[in-house]
């Protein structure tokens, strides 16, 4: 017989311990993974996404660019590659194997801590904190980057169309995040309500006493004795034999 057929979502049937109390360990973990962990993961993903948006805005970066919206300044990447005569600097070291192989000049220009170390008259080493890699720069590449010309080319605030696009994306994000705030307030109220009801239910169940074995035995004996007169009356042959 399949014991999982009558249990919801394939949960195992609870077993009973030596003291008569149910052993819930065999299905509590399943309940967590099926019902509670997915909800927590959804909320964590929303929280991580909001932290990402906060980091973009705090770093004065373009939210439109972060959301992969086409910008005029993005098209200038190829022009930057032509100016520096390559698609990106050569990677010397990586902090971990999970880092991407390719580092673009856009990555270098967006590096928040551009402080390359001079190795000789022709080479510099740049430790990129955002990408967690060390790259090689030539003296020419370093001078061009240091001039600020490339930063102006890729800066979305340098183009009127990009500024207008950014304003539209910011207005859209403001409206959508405001809706998210309203929903989160409703979620908070619902969570508080369920927590209060759970606490009340737990306290109510704790106040109830389970009947012990001695009480059950007394009830059983009482019911047996109460049934004996009717049993004797229903069998007249046994009564006559007793009187004779």
Protein backbone atom coordinates (compact mmCIF):
# COMPACT_ATOMS: atom_id res chain seq x y z
CA UNK A 1 0.00 0.00 0.00
CA UNK A 2 1.35 3.44 -0.95
CA UNK A 3 1.46 5.57 2.19
CA UNK A 4 2.13 8.76 0.21
CA UNK A 5 -1.12 8.51 -1.74
CA UNK A 6 -3.22 9.92 1.10
CA UNK A 7 -0.76 12.61 2.15
CA UNK A 8 -0.82 16.08 0.55
CA UNK A 9 2.09 17.00 -1.75
CA UNK A 10 3.76 13.64 -1.10
CA UNK A 11 4.43 14.33 2.58
CA UNK A 12 5.26 11.36 4.72
CA UNK A 13 2.74 10.23 7.33
CA UNK A 14 3.67 11.36 10.86
CA UNK A 15 4.87 8.70 13.27
CA UNK A 16 4.17 8.43 16.99
CA UNK A 17 6.90 8.44 19.61
CA UNK A 18 7.19 6.22 22.68
CA UNK A 19 5.38 8.81 24.81
CA UNK A 20 2.41 8.90 22.44
CA UNK A 21 3.27 12.33 20.96
CA UNK A 22 3.52 12.73 17.18
CA UNK A 23 6.99 12.87 15.67
CA UNK A 24 6.82 15.85 13.30
CA UNK A 25 10.46 15.85 12.24
CA UNK A 26 9.78 13.58 9.26
CA UNK A 27 7.56 16.14 7.51
CA UNK A 28 8.51 19.53 8.99
CA UNK A 29 11.45 19.87 6.61
CA UNK A 30 9.21 19.03 3.66
CA UNK A 31 6.73 21.69 4.73
CA UNK A 32 9.52 24.25 4.94
CA UNK A 33 10.85 23.45 1.48
CA UNK A 34 7.41 23.27 -0.14
CA UNK A 35 5.62 26.23 1.42
CA UNK A 36 7.86 28.59 3.40
CA UNK A 37 11.30 28.59 1.78
CA UNK A 38 9.93 29.60 -1.68
CA UNK A 39 8.23 32.63 -0.13
CA UNK A 40 11.40 33.63 1.67
CA UNK A 41 13.41 33.27 -1.53
CA UNK A 42 11.00 35.53 -3.42
CA UNK A 43 11.29 38.23 -0.77
CA UNK A 44 15.08 37.90 -0.72
CA UNK A 45 15.25 38.27 -4.50
CA UNK A 46 13.19 41.46 -4.29
CA UNK A 47 15.45 42.77 -1.53
CA UNK A 48 18.58 42.00 -3.56
CA UNK A 49 17.11 43.75 -6.59
CA UNK A 50 16.34 46.86 -4.55
CA UNK A 51 19.89 46.85 -3.15
CA UNK A 52 21.17 46.72 -6.73
CA UNK A 53 19.06 49.71 -7.74
CA UNK A 54 20.26 51.56 -4.66
CA UNK A 55 23.88 50.88 -5.57
CA UNK A 56 23.37 52.13 -9.13
CA UNK A 57 21.74 55.34 -7.95
CA UNK A 58 24.22 55.87 -5.13
CA UNK A 59 27.12 55.51 -7.58
CA UNK A 60 25.54 58.11 -9.89
CA UNK A 61 25.31 55.49 -12.62
CA UNK A 62 22.63 55.35 -15.29
CA UNK A 63 19.63 53.27 -14.31
CA UNK A 64 18.61 53.12 -17.96
CA UNK A 65 22.00 51.67 -18.86
CA UNK A 66 21.75 49.18 -16.00
CA UNK A 67 18.34 48.06 -17.33
CA UNK A 68 19.84 47.55 -20.81
CA UNK A 69 17.96 50.48 -22.36
CA UNK A 70 19.66 51.62 -25.62
CA UNK A 71 21.59 54.85 -25.12
CA UNK A 72 23.64 56.96 -27.49
CA UNK A 73 26.57 56.75 -25.09
CA UNK A 74 26.52 52.95 -25.33
CA UNK A 75 27.12 53.09 -29.07
CA UNK A 76 30.42 54.88 -28.46
CA UNK A 77 32.04 51.70 -27.14
CA UNK A 78 33.31 50.80 -30.60
CA UNK A 79 34.75 54.29 -30.99
CA UNK A 80 36.61 53.86 -27.70
CA UNK A 81 38.03 50.55 -28.90
CA UNK A 82 39.30 52.26 -32.03
CA UNK A 83 40.92 55.02 -30.01
CA UNK A 84 42.74 52.54 -27.77
CA UNK A 85 43.43 50.10 -30.62
CA UNK A 86 42.01 47.07 -28.78
CA UNK A 87 38.78 45.64 -27.35
CA UNK A 88 40.00 45.85 -23.76
CA UNK A 89 43.02 45.58 -21.49
CA UNK A 90 44.84 42.30 -20.94
CA UNK A 91 43.85 40.51 -17.73
CA UNK A 92 46.84 39.59 -15.56
CA UNK A 93 45.20 38.13 -12.44
CA UNK A 94 41.77 37.06 -11.26
CA UNK A 95 40.62 36.73 -7.66
CA UNK A 96 38.51 33.68 -8.47
CA UNK A 97 37.76 31.41 -11.39
CA UNK A 98 34.21 32.73 -11.63
CA UNK A 99 35.35 36.10 -13.01
CA UNK A 100 34.60 36.76 -16.66
CA UNK A 101 37.51 36.42 -19.06
CA UNK A 102 36.90 39.64 -20.97
CA UNK A 103 37.27 43.11 -19.49
CA UNK A 104 36.14 45.98 -21.70
CA UNK A 105 37.28 49.57 -21.72
CA UNK A 106 33.83 50.47 -20.45
CA UNK A 107 34.61 48.39 -17.37
CA UNK A 108 37.84 50.32 -16.88
CA UNK A 109 36.10 53.68 -17.30
CA UNK A 110 33.44 52.69 -14.78
CA UNK A 111 36.00 51.51 -12.23
CA UNK A 112 35.28 53.59 -9.09
CA UNK A 113 38.91 53.44 -7.88
CA UNK A 114 41.13 54.17 -10.88
CA UNK A 115 44.57 54.14 -9.26
CA UNK A 116 46.96 52.20 -11.53
CA UNK A 117 50.47 51.38 -10.31
CA UNK A 118 53.32 52.28 -12.63
CA UNK A 119 55.56 49.32 -13.44
CA UNK A 120 57.90 51.02 -15.88
CA UNK A 121 57.86 53.75 -18.50
CA UNK A 122 55.52 51.76 -20.74
CA UNK A 123 53.21 49.78 -18.44
CA UNK A 124 50.74 50.19 -15.58
CA UNK A 125 48.87 47.63 -13.47
CA UNK A 126 45.30 48.44 -12.46
CA UNK A 127 43.54 46.51 -9.69
CA UNK A 128 39.83 46.66 -10.52
CA UNK A 129 37.74 46.34 -7.38
CA UNK A 130 34.42 45.99 -9.22
CA UNK A 131 35.56 43.16 -11.51
CA UNK A 132 38.10 41.71 -9.03
CA UNK A 133 40.85 41.46 -11.61
CA UNK A 134 44.22 43.05 -12.32
CA UNK A 135 44.75 44.38 -15.85
CA UNK A 136 47.67 45.71 -17.87
CA UNK A 137 47.57 49.23 -19.29
CA UNK A 138 50.05 50.84 -21.62
CA UNK A 139 51.33 54.33 -20.90
CA UNK A 140 49.32 55.64 -23.87
CA UNK A 141 46.11 54.01 -22.66
CA UNK A 142 46.64 55.37 -19.17
CA UNK A 143 47.23 58.91 -20.48
CA UNK A 144 44.09 58.83 -22.63
CA UNK A 145 41.97 57.56 -19.73
CA UNK A 146 43.49 60.08 -17.36
CA UNK A 147 42.63 62.95 -19.74
CA UNK A 148 38.91 62.41 -19.09
CA UNK A 149 38.00 62.49 -22.79
CA UNK A 150 36.66 58.92 -22.80
CA UNK A 151 34.64 59.52 -19.66
CA UNK A 152 32.85 62.36 -21.42
CA UNK A 153 32.07 60.11 -24.39
CA UNK A 154 30.45 57.38 -22.27
CA UNK A 155 28.80 59.71 -19.77
CA UNK A 156 25.03 59.55 -20.46
CA UNK A 157 24.59 63.04 -18.98
CA UNK A 158 26.62 64.42 -21.92
CA UNK A 159 23.82 63.68 -24.43
CA UNK A 160 20.40 65.30 -24.36
CA UNK A 161 18.65 62.18 -25.67
CA UNK A 162 20.25 60.01 -22.97
CA UNK A 163 19.21 62.48 -20.27
CA UNK A 164 15.62 62.40 -21.55
CA UNK A 165 15.67 58.60 -21.64
CA UNK A 166 17.05 58.51 -18.10
CA UNK A 167 14.30 60.84 -16.90
CA UNK A 168 11.63 58.61 -18.44
CA UNK A 169 13.14 55.47 -16.88
CA UNK A 170 13.44 57.17 -13.49
CA UNK A 171 9.75 58.22 -13.61
CA UNK A 172 8.75 54.67 -14.54
CA UNK A 173 10.89 53.18 -11.76
CA UNK A 174 9.50 55.66 -9.23
CA UNK A 175 5.91 54.68 -10.05
CA UNK A 176 6.63 50.93 -10.00
CA UNK A 177 8.66 50.98 -6.79
CA UNK A 178 5.89 53.04 -5.15
CA UNK A 179 3.45 50.24 -6.02
CA UNK A 180 5.94 47.77 -4.58
CA UNK A 181 6.02 49.80 -1.37
CA UNK A 182 2.23 49.62 -1.08
CA UNK A 183 2.29 45.89 -1.64
CA UNK A 184 5.07 45.43 0.90
CA UNK A 185 3.02 47.35 3.49
CA UNK A 186 0.11 44.98 2.86
CA UNK A 187 2.46 42.01 3.15
CA UNK A 188 3.77 43.35 6.46
CA UNK A 189 0.23 43.78 7.82
CA UNK A 190 -0.70 40.26 6.68
CA UNK A 191 2.43 38.79 8.28
CA UNK A 192 1.70 40.56 11.58
CA UNK A 193 -1.88 39.28 11.50
CA UNK A 194 -0.80 35.67 10.83
CA UNK A 195 1.87 35.86 13.54
CA UNK A 196 -0.68 37.10 16.07
CA UNK A 197 -3.12 34.32 15.13
CA UNK A 198 -0.37 31.69 15.30
CA UNK A 199 0.69 32.88 18.74
CA UNK A 200 -2.91 32.83 19.93
CA UNK A 201 -3.42 29.31 18.58
CA UNK A 202 -0.20 28.03 20.20
CA UNK A 203 -1.16 29.50 23.57
CA UNK A 204 -4.64 28.00 23.27
CA UNK A 205 -3.28 24.54 22.49
CA UNK A 206 -0.79 24.72 25.33
CA UNK A 207 -3.64 25.43 27.75
CA UNK A 208 -5.41 22.20 26.89
CA UNK A 209 -4.55 19.07 28.85
CA UNK A 210 -4.49 15.70 27.16
CA UNK A 211 -6.38 12.95 29.06
CA UNK A 212 -3.94 10.59 30.77
CA UNK A 213 -4.14 6.79 30.80
CA UNK A 214 -5.62 6.56 34.30
CA UNK A 215 -8.52 8.83 33.37
CA UNK A 216 -9.15 6.84 30.21
CA UNK A 217 -9.13 3.58 32.19
CA UNK A 218 -11.66 4.94 34.72
CA UNK A 219 -13.96 6.02 31.91
CA UNK A 220 -13.69 2.57 30.32
CA UNK A 221 -14.51 0.78 33.62
CA UNK A 222 -17.43 3.10 34.23
CA UNK A 223 -18.90 2.38 30.81
CA UNK A 224 -18.45 -1.40 31.33
CA UNK A 225 -20.24 -1.37 34.68
CA UNK A 226 -23.07 0.73 33.34
CA UNK A 227 -23.69 -1.79 30.58
CA UNK A 228 -23.73 -4.95 32.85
CA UNK A 229 -27.40 -4.75 34.14
CA UNK A 230 -28.77 -4.57 30.62
CA UNK A 231 -26.63 -7.52 29.65
CA UNK A 232 -27.96 -9.64 32.54
CA UNK A 233 -31.57 -8.72 31.79
CA UNK A 234 -31.21 -9.60 28.13
CA UNK A 235 -30.34 -13.25 29.02
CA UNK A 236 -33.16 -14.69 31.21
CA UNK A 237 -31.80 -18.23 31.05
CA UNK A 238 -28.73 -17.22 33.05
CA UNK A 239 -30.95 -15.57 35.68
CA UNK A 240 -33.17 -18.65 36.11
CA UNK A 241 -30.19 -20.90 36.49
CA UNK A 242 -28.84 -18.69 39.18
CA UNK A 243 -32.14 -18.81 41.17
CA UNK A 244 -32.48 -22.57 40.99
